[in-house]
Amino acid sequence: MALPGEHQLDNLAIALELVKQLRKHGFDIPDEAISKGIAGARWPGRLQWIKGNPPLLLDGAHNAEGLASLVSYLRDFPPPAPLNIIFGALKDKPFVDMAEQLAQFGQYLCFVPPQCSRTMTREQFDATPLAEKWQWHDNLQEALANCRQNAGCVLVTGSLYLISEAIKEATEK
């Protein structure tokens, strides 16, 4: 299966049960089509590895459930150390709790405000507990430049706005 993470096994089981039910209702779904679909499944920005020195791991863990899947993956499949983390979240998300969970895995911790009207300002960031452990960076390029130094891997995570920007950045190189 091309999609990493144990949670994808649950997703696969649900998809296969759906196929079973559809077949019961007269849909002709060949086994070959199922195999081809499983082998070709891709989810950009979800536990997506981008080769490089150091490699990038992109994960759109933008809510508590997504973060739980990411944390499980990081525990089960630790990326090359040291892991430097770039995190960005919107102000209407539980970003302090999310950042605390991520901090246990990272050496250098960068916060980047996603490019969105719902992002927090530097002043709002400085008023949170995040400012004690996380370094503010105005943009992704600045954070990447700092995080790539002395890293075994760089994780970019949080807001899908940030992940979109990271994908664009990585594919333009």
Protein backbone atom coordinates (compact mmCIF):
# COMPACT_ATOMS: atom_id res chain seq x y z
CA MET A 1 0.00 0.00 0.00
CA ALA A 2 1.44 3.36 -1.03
CA LEU A 3 -0.06 5.35 1.85
CA PRO A 4 2.01 5.12 5.05
CA GLY A 5 0.57 4.99 8.55
CA GLU A 6 -1.39 2.36 10.44
CA HIS A 7 -4.55 4.46 10.20
CA GLN A 8 -4.50 3.75 6.47
CA LEU A 9 -5.17 0.07 7.20
CA ASP A 10 -8.44 1.12 8.84
CA ASN A 11 -9.24 3.27 5.80
CA LEU A 12 -8.48 0.32 3.51
CA ALA A 13 -10.73 -1.99 5.53
CA ILE A 14 -13.59 0.52 5.22
CA ALA A 15 -13.03 0.88 1.47
CA LEU A 16 -13.02 -2.91 0.99
CA GLU A 17 -16.24 -3.25 3.01
CA LEU A 18 -17.80 -0.58 0.82
CA VAL A 19 -16.78 -2.54 -2.29
CA LYS A 20 -18.33 -5.66 -0.75
CA GLN A 21 -21.62 -3.83 -0.15
CA LEU A 22 -21.63 -2.31 -3.61
CA ARG A 23 -21.12 -5.76 -5.16
CA LYS A 24 -24.11 -7.04 -3.15
CA HIS A 25 -26.17 -4.31 -4.81
CA GLY A 26 -25.18 -5.25 -8.35
CA PHE A 27 -22.09 -3.16 -8.96
CA ASP A 28 -19.43 -4.93 -11.00
CA ILE A 29 -16.11 -4.01 -9.44
CA PRO A 30 -13.28 -6.26 -10.67
CA ASP A 31 -10.58 -7.41 -8.25
CA GLU A 32 -8.01 -6.02 -10.67
CA ALA A 33 -9.50 -2.52 -10.35
CA ILE A 34 -9.34 -2.77 -6.57
CA SER A 35 -5.69 -3.87 -6.64
CA LYS A 36 -4.81 -1.12 -9.08
CA GLY A 37 -6.57 1.47 -6.93
CA ILE A 38 -4.80 0.36 -3.76
CA ALA A 39 -1.40 0.34 -5.45
CA GLY A 40 -1.93 3.75 -7.02
CA ALA A 41 -3.47 5.57 -4.07
CA ARG A 42 -1.71 8.85 -3.25
CA TRP A 43 -2.52 11.57 -0.74
CA PRO A 44 -0.23 14.56 -1.25
CA GLY A 45 0.66 16.28 1.99
CA ARG A 46 -0.24 13.31 4.17
CA LEU A 47 2.90 11.56 5.44
CA GLN A 48 4.50 12.54 2.14
CA TRP A 49 8.24 12.09 1.92
CA ILE A 50 10.26 14.37 -0.36
CA LYS A 51 13.81 13.28 -1.07
CA GLY A 52 16.59 15.68 -0.31
CA ASN A 53 19.40 16.43 2.06
CA PRO A 54 17.82 16.39 4.55
CA PRO A 55 14.58 14.72 3.47
CA LEU A 56 11.27 16.50 4.12
CA LEU A 57 8.24 14.85 5.66
CA LEU A 58 5.02 16.75 4.96
CA ASP A 59 1.88 16.04 6.94
CA GLY A 60 -1.31 18.06 7.03
CA ALA A 61 -2.08 17.30 10.68
CA HIS A 62 -4.39 20.30 10.98
CA ASN A 63 -6.67 18.94 13.70
CA ALA A 64 -6.53 16.69 16.77
CA GLU A 65 -7.31 13.51 14.83
CA GLY A 66 -4.71 14.20 12.16
CA LEU A 67 -2.13 15.02 14.80
CA ALA A 68 -2.87 11.76 16.65
CA SER A 69 -2.14 9.84 13.44
CA LEU A 70 1.09 11.78 12.91
CA VAL A 71 2.25 11.24 16.50
CA SER A 72 1.55 7.51 16.17
CA TYR A 73 3.56 7.41 12.94
CA LEU A 74 6.49 9.30 14.50
CA ARG A 75 6.54 6.86 17.43
CA ASP A 76 6.30 3.75 15.26
CA PHE A 77 8.58 4.94 12.45
CA PRO A 78 11.00 7.53 13.85
CA PRO A 79 12.42 9.68 11.05
CA PRO A 80 16.18 10.22 10.74
CA ALA A 81 17.45 12.22 13.70
CA PRO A 82 17.77 14.96 14.54
CA LEU A 83 14.23 15.91 13.55
CA ASN A 84 13.57 19.62 13.08
CA ILE A 85 9.92 20.63 12.96
CA ILE A 86 8.13 23.43 11.15
CA PHE A 87 4.59 23.85 12.44
CA GLY A 88 1.87 26.28 11.46
CA ALA A 89 -1.71 26.38 12.64
CA LEU A 90 -4.68 28.69 12.42
CA LYS A 91 -5.75 30.55 15.54
CA ASP A 92 -9.09 28.69 15.72
CA LYS A 93 -7.33 25.32 16.14
CA PRO A 94 -5.97 23.80 19.39
CA PHE A 95 -2.49 24.89 18.32
CA VAL A 96 -0.91 25.04 21.80
CA ASP A 97 -1.82 21.41 22.55
CA MET A 98 -0.78 20.35 19.05
CA ALA A 99 2.59 22.09 19.40
CA GLU A 100 3.21 20.50 22.79
CA GLN A 101 2.61 17.03 21.36
CA LEU A 102 4.96 17.71 18.45
CA ALA A 103 7.71 19.25 20.59
CA GLN A 104 8.61 15.90 22.14
CA PHE A 105 9.89 14.72 18.75
CA GLY A 106 11.80 17.76 17.59
CA GLN A 107 15.20 19.27 18.19
CA TYR A 108 14.67 22.67 16.57
CA LEU A 109 11.07 23.91 16.64
CA CYS A 110 9.86 26.55 14.17
CA PHE A 111 6.43 28.15 14.04
CA VAL A 112 5.34 29.67 10.72
CA PRO A 113 2.03 31.53 10.37
CA PRO A 114 0.10 29.99 7.46
CA GLN A 115 -0.81 32.37 4.66
CA CYS A 116 -4.46 32.80 5.55
CA SER A 117 -6.71 35.43 7.10
CA ARG A 118 -7.31 33.14 10.12
CA THR A 119 -3.67 32.99 11.16
CA MET A 120 -2.33 34.52 14.35
CA THR A 121 -0.08 37.55 14.53
CA ARG A 122 3.40 37.63 16.04
CA GLU A 123 1.97 39.44 19.06
CA GLN A 124 -0.66 36.73 19.58
CA PHE A 125 2.02 34.05 19.24
CA ASP A 126 4.27 35.78 21.77
CA ALA A 127 1.39 35.79 24.28
CA THR A 128 1.07 31.97 24.14
CA PRO A 129 3.17 29.28 25.84
CA LEU A 130 4.51 28.41 22.38
CA ALA A 131 6.95 31.29 22.50
CA GLU A 132 8.93 29.46 25.19
CA LYS A 133 9.91 26.50 22.97
CA TRP A 134 9.08 27.49 19.40
CA GLN A 135 10.92 30.04 17.27
CA TRP A 136 8.74 32.37 15.18
CA HIS A 137 9.59 32.58 11.48
CA ASP A 138 7.77 35.01 9.22
CA ASN A 139 7.63 32.57 6.30
CA LEU A 140 8.27 28.99 5.27
CA GLN A 141 11.42 29.77 3.28
CA GLU A 142 13.08 31.32 6.34
CA ALA A 143 12.06 28.38 8.53
CA LEU A 144 13.30 25.83 5.98
CA ALA A 145 16.66 27.57 5.73
CA ASN A 146 17.08 27.33 9.52
CA CYS A 147 15.63 23.85 9.95
CA ARG A 148 17.67 22.20 7.20
CA GLN A 149 20.88 22.94 9.09
CA ASN A 150 22.01 20.02 11.25
CA ALA A 151 18.86 18.01 10.52
CA GLY A 152 18.43 14.34 9.77
CA CYS A 153 14.91 15.18 8.61
CA VAL A 154 12.61 18.20 8.51
CA LEU A 155 8.92 17.74 9.31
CA VAL A 156 6.52 20.37 7.98
CA THR A 157 3.11 19.96 9.57
CA GLY A 158 -0.10 21.60 10.66
CA SER A 159 -2.24 23.80 8.48
CA LEU A 160 -3.10 22.59 5.01
CA TYR A 161 -2.27 26.12 3.84
CA LEU A 162 1.30 25.58 5.04
CA ILE A 163 1.48 22.09 3.53
CA SER A 164 0.30 23.44 0.18
CA GLU A 165 3.04 26.05 0.33
CA ALA A 166 5.62 23.37 1.23
CA ILE A 167 4.56 21.17 -1.70
CA LYS A 168 4.85 24.11 -4.05
CA GLU A 169 8.28 25.02 -2.62
CA ALA A 170 9.54 21.43 -2.93
CA THR A 171 8.32 20.92 -6.49
CA GLU A 172 9.77 24.21 -7.76
CA LYS A 173 13.31 23.09 -6.87
